């Protein structure tokens, strides 16, 4: 078996050949209300129940499961009983330029969550805490206009201090994902992927995998060592439109009074088309910027293999 590699791999190195998968960007009811004017009073960001997310993730082969709700870990309570679940969140953070960015922070404690929320309106302060606590974090969908405008200085901060970029988002235009992937490679960043699904239909369809990992800590150590791979689907106009209809149907079910808004559903394709055009414009604008400029200098890199116990 030491000589014949296939037999060695089958019988001796099974643990080394095992691959762990995780959807590193998924939402539940804990993400709160949507930020669309008027709808923010009646419609949630997601109607995914935490137990449904867990079951769906396991059904699709995720080895470990997390939730990345907006500035909340409340949905984690019902899943803490599972040994293959870990707590995460998507932090809405204000940059020094005044713009807003979403940062995924993973495998954190309740105390970390409180401190993160206290610091999220100051990127530098948040960065200091995440670095000090050796928490793994990523800049999510950086080539999307979802959080508003972006500033050139934002990318310098990302390049200098963020250890990871989300390079495949299951709701983003393929070209936006590719641009993030190219920039991550150019800056020697860790690439991660997740579905960013606000409906059950998309959970687990985009994910990050690490070969040779057997525990949650192994998984993140593997990411830090750049052994991670992103796989799965990407966003399309039709996928986004279908998800909005699913969210609308869940809203009607939860609050029957909102059925009065049903005639407005005919406008959904036009709304998503306008959003998609804006996403394309946003991505092309920044792609052109990076094609005509040098990459920002990297000032700090997270060392591999450093996991909290």
Protein backbone atom coordinates (compact mmCIF):
# COMPACT_ATOMS: atom_id res chain seq x y z
CA UNK A 1 0.00 0.00 0.00
CA UNK A 2 2.93 2.34 0.54
CA UNK A 3 4.05 1.71 -3.03
CA UNK A 4 0.67 1.60 -4.79
CA UNK A 5 -0.78 5.10 -4.30
CA UNK A 6 -4.50 4.31 -4.95
CA UNK A 7 -4.51 1.68 -2.18
CA UNK A 8 -2.62 3.99 0.15
CA UNK A 9 -5.16 6.74 -0.48
CA UNK A 10 -8.07 4.37 0.09
CA UNK A 11 -6.90 2.64 3.27
CA UNK A 12 -4.24 4.82 4.89
CA UNK A 13 -4.99 8.41 3.94
CA UNK A 14 -8.78 8.46 4.20
CA UNK A 15 -8.64 11.33 6.70
CA UNK A 16 -6.34 13.34 4.44
CA UNK A 17 -8.68 12.80 1.48
CA UNK A 18 -11.82 13.89 3.27
CA UNK A 19 -13.31 17.18 2.09
CA UNK A 20 -15.32 19.47 4.33
CA UNK A 21 -17.87 21.80 2.75
CA UNK A 22 -19.67 24.83 4.13
CA UNK A 23 -21.98 27.49 2.72
CA UNK A 24 -20.27 30.52 4.27
CA UNK A 25 -22.96 33.07 3.44
CA UNK A 26 -26.57 32.28 4.27
CA UNK A 27 -29.42 34.18 5.91
CA UNK A 28 -32.39 33.45 8.15
CA UNK A 29 -35.26 35.32 9.81
CA UNK A 30 -32.72 36.91 12.17
CA UNK A 31 -31.44 39.16 9.37
CA UNK A 32 -34.29 41.53 10.17
CA UNK A 33 -36.42 43.64 7.87
CA UNK A 34 -35.46 44.47 4.29
CA UNK A 35 -34.07 47.94 3.64
CA UNK A 36 -36.31 48.80 0.68
CA UNK A 37 -38.37 51.92 1.46
CA UNK A 38 -41.97 51.14 2.51
CA UNK A 39 -41.34 47.39 2.41
CA UNK A 40 -39.00 47.73 5.38
CA UNK A 41 -42.09 47.93 7.59
CA UNK A 42 -43.68 44.68 6.45
CA UNK A 43 -41.14 42.46 4.66
CA UNK A 44 -38.22 40.50 6.11
CA UNK A 45 -34.81 40.10 4.50
CA UNK A 46 -35.30 36.35 4.75
CA UNK A 47 -38.02 33.97 5.87
CA UNK A 48 -35.63 31.04 6.25
CA UNK A 49 -36.13 29.26 9.57
CA UNK A 50 -32.79 28.26 11.15
CA UNK A 51 -33.74 24.58 11.42
CA UNK A 52 -34.74 24.58 7.74
CA UNK A 53 -31.39 26.08 6.77
CA UNK A 54 -29.57 23.41 8.76
CA UNK A 55 -31.62 20.55 7.27
CA UNK A 56 -31.23 21.88 3.73
CA UNK A 57 -27.48 22.35 4.15
CA UNK A 58 -26.99 18.79 5.39
CA UNK A 59 -29.23 17.44 2.62
CA UNK A 60 -26.97 19.08 0.03
CA UNK A 61 -23.78 17.69 1.57
CA UNK A 62 -22.51 20.52 3.76
CA UNK A 63 -20.17 19.04 6.39
CA UNK A 64 -20.53 22.02 8.72
CA UNK A 65 -23.21 24.69 8.94
CA UNK A 66 -23.37 28.36 9.89
CA UNK A 67 -25.66 31.38 9.60
CA UNK A 68 -24.45 34.84 8.56
CA UNK A 69 -27.35 37.06 9.47
CA UNK A 70 -27.03 40.83 9.32
CA UNK A 71 -25.60 42.02 12.64
CA UNK A 72 -27.33 39.24 14.56
CA UNK A 73 -26.60 35.80 16.00
CA UNK A 74 -30.03 35.27 17.59
CA UNK A 75 -30.99 32.50 15.15
CA UNK A 76 -28.00 30.46 16.32
CA UNK A 77 -29.73 29.54 19.59
CA UNK A 78 -31.77 26.75 18.05
CA UNK A 79 -28.74 25.26 16.26
CA UNK A 80 -26.11 25.31 18.99
CA UNK A 81 -27.03 21.75 19.92
CA UNK A 82 -25.46 20.50 16.69
CA UNK A 83 -21.70 19.80 16.97
CA UNK A 84 -21.23 20.66 13.30
CA UNK A 85 -22.71 24.17 13.67
CA UNK A 86 -20.70 27.31 14.38
CA UNK A 87 -21.74 30.92 14.95
CA UNK A 88 -21.05 33.64 12.37
CA UNK A 89 -22.55 36.93 11.24
CA UNK A 90 -22.44 39.43 8.39
CA UNK A 91 -21.40 42.77 9.87
CA UNK A 92 -22.61 46.04 8.39
CA UNK A 93 -19.49 48.17 8.82
CA UNK A 94 -18.79 51.83 8.10
CA UNK A 95 -15.49 52.55 6.37
CA UNK A 96 -13.24 55.59 7.06
CA UNK A 97 -14.53 57.04 3.76
CA UNK A 98 -18.11 56.92 5.07
CA UNK A 99 -19.23 54.09 2.78
CA UNK A 100 -20.74 50.84 4.05
CA UNK A 101 -19.39 47.32 3.54
CA UNK A 102 -20.54 43.87 4.57
CA UNK A 103 -17.94 41.80 6.40
CA UNK A 104 -18.41 38.11 7.14
CA UNK A 105 -17.00 37.14 10.56
CA UNK A 106 -16.80 33.44 11.35
CA UNK A 107 -16.64 31.05 14.28
CA UNK A 108 -17.20 33.70 16.92
CA UNK A 109 -18.45 33.74 20.52
CA UNK A 110 -21.33 35.68 22.08
CA UNK A 111 -18.80 38.04 23.61
CA UNK A 112 -17.22 38.59 20.18
CA UNK A 113 -20.63 39.47 18.77
CA UNK A 114 -21.24 42.14 21.40
CA UNK A 115 -17.82 43.70 20.85
CA UNK A 116 -18.19 43.56 17.07
CA UNK A 117 -21.52 45.36 17.19
CA UNK A 118 -20.03 48.04 19.43
CA UNK A 119 -17.28 48.65 16.88
CA UNK A 120 -19.01 48.15 13.54
CA UNK A 121 -19.39 51.87 12.82
CA UNK A 122 -15.62 52.25 12.89
CA UNK A 123 -13.75 49.94 10.53
CA UNK A 124 -10.37 50.58 12.12
CA UNK A 125 -11.66 49.77 15.60
CA UNK A 126 -13.40 46.64 14.31
CA UNK A 127 -10.28 45.60 12.45
CA UNK A 128 -8.17 45.90 15.58
CA UNK A 129 -10.53 43.64 17.51
CA UNK A 130 -10.81 41.00 14.78
CA UNK A 131 -7.05 40.92 14.41
CA UNK A 132 -6.40 40.77 18.13
CA UNK A 133 -8.88 37.90 18.58
CA UNK A 134 -7.60 36.11 15.46
CA UNK A 135 -11.10 35.89 14.05
CA UNK A 136 -11.35 34.85 10.41
CA UNK A 137 -13.21 37.45 8.32
CA UNK A 138 -13.87 38.34 4.71
CA UNK A 139 -15.04 41.29 2.63
CA UNK A 140 -18.29 40.21 0.98
CA UNK A 141 -19.54 41.04 -2.54
CA UNK A 142 -17.15 43.98 -2.92
CA UNK A 143 -18.05 44.48 -6.60
CA UNK A 144 -21.75 44.85 -5.85
CA UNK A 145 -23.64 48.09 -5.29
CA UNK A 146 -25.89 46.48 -2.67
CA UNK A 147 -24.42 48.55 0.16
CA UNK A 148 -24.19 51.75 -1.85
CA UNK A 149 -21.22 53.54 -3.37
CA UNK A 150 -17.61 52.46 -2.98
CA UNK A 151 -14.52 54.64 -2.55
CA UNK A 152 -11.01 54.03 -3.89
CA UNK A 153 -9.66 54.16 -0.36
CA UNK A 154 -11.98 51.30 0.62
CA UNK A 155 -10.07 48.97 -1.68
CA UNK A 156 -6.77 50.09 -0.16
CA UNK A 157 -8.09 49.14 3.28
CA UNK A 158 -9.33 45.78 1.98
CA UNK A 159 -6.01 45.09 0.28
CA UNK A 160 -3.98 46.01 3.31
CA UNK A 161 -5.91 44.37 6.12
CA UNK A 162 -8.61 41.90 5.07
CA UNK A 163 -7.36 38.29 4.99
CA UNK A 164 -10.15 37.02 2.72
CA UNK A 165 -12.43 38.12 -0.11
CA UNK A 166 -15.71 36.51 -1.06
CA UNK A 167 -14.92 35.42 -4.62
CA UNK A 168 -18.09 33.48 -5.38
CA UNK A 169 -21.46 34.76 -4.22
CA UNK A 170 -24.49 32.77 -5.29
CA UNK A 171 -26.53 35.93 -5.90
CA UNK A 172 -23.91 37.98 -7.75
CA UNK A 173 -23.33 38.41 -11.48
CA UNK A 174 -20.66 35.99 -12.69
CA UNK A 175 -18.45 38.82 -13.90
CA UNK A 176 -18.55 40.48 -10.45
CA UNK A 177 -17.44 37.20 -8.88
CA UNK A 178 -14.65 36.81 -11.42
CA UNK A 179 -13.44 40.34 -10.76
CA UNK A 180 -13.30 39.61 -7.02
CA UNK A 181 -11.45 36.37 -7.74
CA UNK A 182 -8.88 38.13 -9.93
CA UNK A 183 -8.29 40.82 -7.34
CA UNK A 184 -7.96 38.22 -4.57
CA UNK A 185 -5.36 36.34 -6.61
CA UNK A 186 -3.52 39.55 -7.42
CA UNK A 187 -3.33 40.46 -3.73
CA UNK A 188 -2.73 36.92 -2.47
CA UNK A 189 -6.01 36.87 -0.54
CA UNK A 190 -7.92 33.85 0.68
CA UNK A 191 -10.99 33.21 -1.46
CA UNK A 192 -14.27 32.01 0.01
CA UNK A 193 -17.75 31.35 -1.37
CA UNK A 194 -21.32 31.16 -0.18
CA UNK A 195 -24.86 31.24 -1.52
CA UNK A 196 -25.90 34.55 0.12
CA UNK A 197 -29.31 32.93 -0.05
CA UNK A 198 -32.31 34.65 1.50
CA UNK A 199 -34.57 31.76 0.48
CA UNK A 200 -34.33 28.04 1.16
CA UNK A 201 -34.08 27.31 -2.56
CA UNK A 202 -30.52 28.63 -2.79
CA UNK A 203 -29.04 27.38 0.48
CA UNK A 204 -26.03 25.12 -0.03
CA UNK A 205 -25.79 25.66 -3.79
CA UNK A 206 -22.61 27.75 -3.44
CA UNK A 207 -19.98 26.77 -0.92
CA UNK A 208 -16.35 26.60 0.18
CA UNK A 209 -14.54 23.29 0.63
CA UNK A 210 -11.29 22.33 2.34
CA UNK A 211 -9.64 19.01 1.68
CA UNK A 212 -8.22 17.11 4.64
CA UNK A 213 -10.27 18.94 7.30
CA UNK A 214 -12.14 16.93 9.92
CA UNK A 215 -13.21 19.62 12.42
CA UNK A 216 -14.40 23.23 12.30
CA UNK A 217 -10.98 24.42 13.45
CA UNK A 218 -9.33 22.27 10.76
CA UNK A 219 -11.60 23.89 8.19
CA UNK A 220 -10.51 27.43 9.09
CA UNK A 221 -6.88 26.42 9.46
CA UNK A 222 -7.12 25.02 5.94
CA UNK A 223 -8.60 28.28 4.66
CA UNK A 224 -5.80 30.27 6.26
CA UNK A 225 -3.32 27.91 4.62
CA UNK A 226 -5.06 28.64 1.28
CA UNK A 227 -6.29 25.09 0.75
CA UNK A 228 -9.88 26.24 0.26
CA UNK A 229 -11.80 25.96 -3.01
CA UNK A 230 -15.03 27.70 -3.97
CA UNK A 231 -17.69 25.83 -5.91
CA UNK A 232 -21.32 26.01 -6.90
CA UNK A 233 -23.76 28.29 -8.67
CA UNK A 234 -23.65 32.03 -9.28
CA UNK A 235 -26.33 34.68 -9.64
CA UNK A 236 -28.57 35.37 -12.61
CA UNK A 237 -31.39 37.79 -13.30
CA UNK A 238 -33.97 34.99 -13.37
CA UNK A 239 -32.67 33.51 -10.10
CA UNK A 240 -32.92 36.87 -8.35
CA UNK A 241 -36.42 37.49 -9.69
CA UNK A 242 -37.60 34.06 -8.53
CA UNK A 243 -36.16 34.69 -5.05
CA UNK A 244 -38.00 37.99 -4.73
CA UNK A 245 -41.26 36.25 -5.61
CA UNK A 246 -40.50 33.59 -2.99
CA UNK A 247 -39.87 36.25 -0.35
CA UNK A 248 -43.09 38.01 -1.37
CA UNK A 249 -45.07 34.78 -1.04
CA UNK A 250 -43.62 34.24 2.45
CA UNK A 251 -44.54 37.82 3.39
CA UNK A 252 -48.16 37.29 2.27
CA UNK A 253 -48.32 34.10 4.30
CA UNK A 254 -46.93 35.71 7.46
CA UNK A 255 -48.98 38.91 7.11
CA UNK A 256 -52.18 38.30 5.10
CA UNK A 257 -52.98 42.03 5.20
CA UNK A 258 -50.09 42.58 2.78
CA UNK A 259 -52.06 40.73 0.08
CA UNK A 260 -53.35 44.20 -0.80
CA UNK A 261 -49.92 44.71 -2.37
CA UNK A 262 -50.27 41.68 -4.65
CA UNK A 263 -51.01 43.72 -7.83
CA UNK A 264 -47.58 45.33 -7.43
CA UNK A 265 -45.96 41.94 -8.00
CA UNK A 266 -46.18 42.52 -11.76
CA UNK A 267 -43.47 45.15 -11.28
CA UNK A 268 -40.96 42.70 -9.78
CA UNK A 269 -39.28 41.79 -13.12
CA UNK A 270 -38.77 45.49 -13.88
CA UNK A 271 -37.41 46.13 -10.39
CA UNK A 272 -34.92 43.28 -10.60
CA UNK A 273 -33.92 44.35 -14.13
CA UNK A 274 -33.08 47.83 -12.85
CA UNK A 275 -31.12 46.33 -9.97
CA UNK A 276 -29.26 43.99 -12.32
CA UNK A 277 -28.31 46.86 -14.66
CA UNK A 278 -26.96 48.79 -11.67
CA UNK A 279 -24.91 45.77 -10.59
CA UNK A 280 -23.43 45.43 -14.07
CA UNK A 281 -22.57 49.14 -14.18
CA UNK A 282 -21.02 49.05 -10.70
CA UNK A 283 -18.85 46.04 -11.52
CA UNK A 284 -17.66 47.43 -14.86
CA UNK A 285 -16.79 50.77 -13.29
CA UNK A 286 -14.44 49.21 -10.75
CA UNK A 287 -13.12 46.62 -13.15
CA UNK A 288 -12.01 49.44 -15.43
CA UNK A 289 -10.41 51.20 -12.45
CA UNK A 290 -8.27 48.19 -11.55
CA UNK A 291 -7.33 47.51 -15.14
CA UNK A 292 -5.85 51.02 -15.33
CA UNK A 293 -4.10 51.13 -11.96
CA UNK A 294 -1.65 49.23 -9.82
CA UNK A 295 -2.83 46.96 -7.03
CA UNK A 296 -2.74 48.54 -3.55
CA UNK A 297 0.23 47.52 -1.46
CA UNK A 298 -0.37 44.69 1.00
CA UNK A 299 0.57 45.76 4.53
CA UNK A 300 -0.64 42.87 6.64
CA UNK A 301 -1.28 39.18 6.16
CA UNK A 302 -2.96 36.73 8.50
CA UNK A 303 -0.59 33.87 9.29
CA UNK A 304 -1.76 30.38 8.41
CA UNK A 305 -2.58 27.75 10.98
CA UNK A 306 -3.53 30.10 13.80
CA UNK A 307 -6.80 28.98 15.33
CA UNK A 308 -8.32 29.89 18.64
CA UNK A 309 -8.95 27.04 21.04
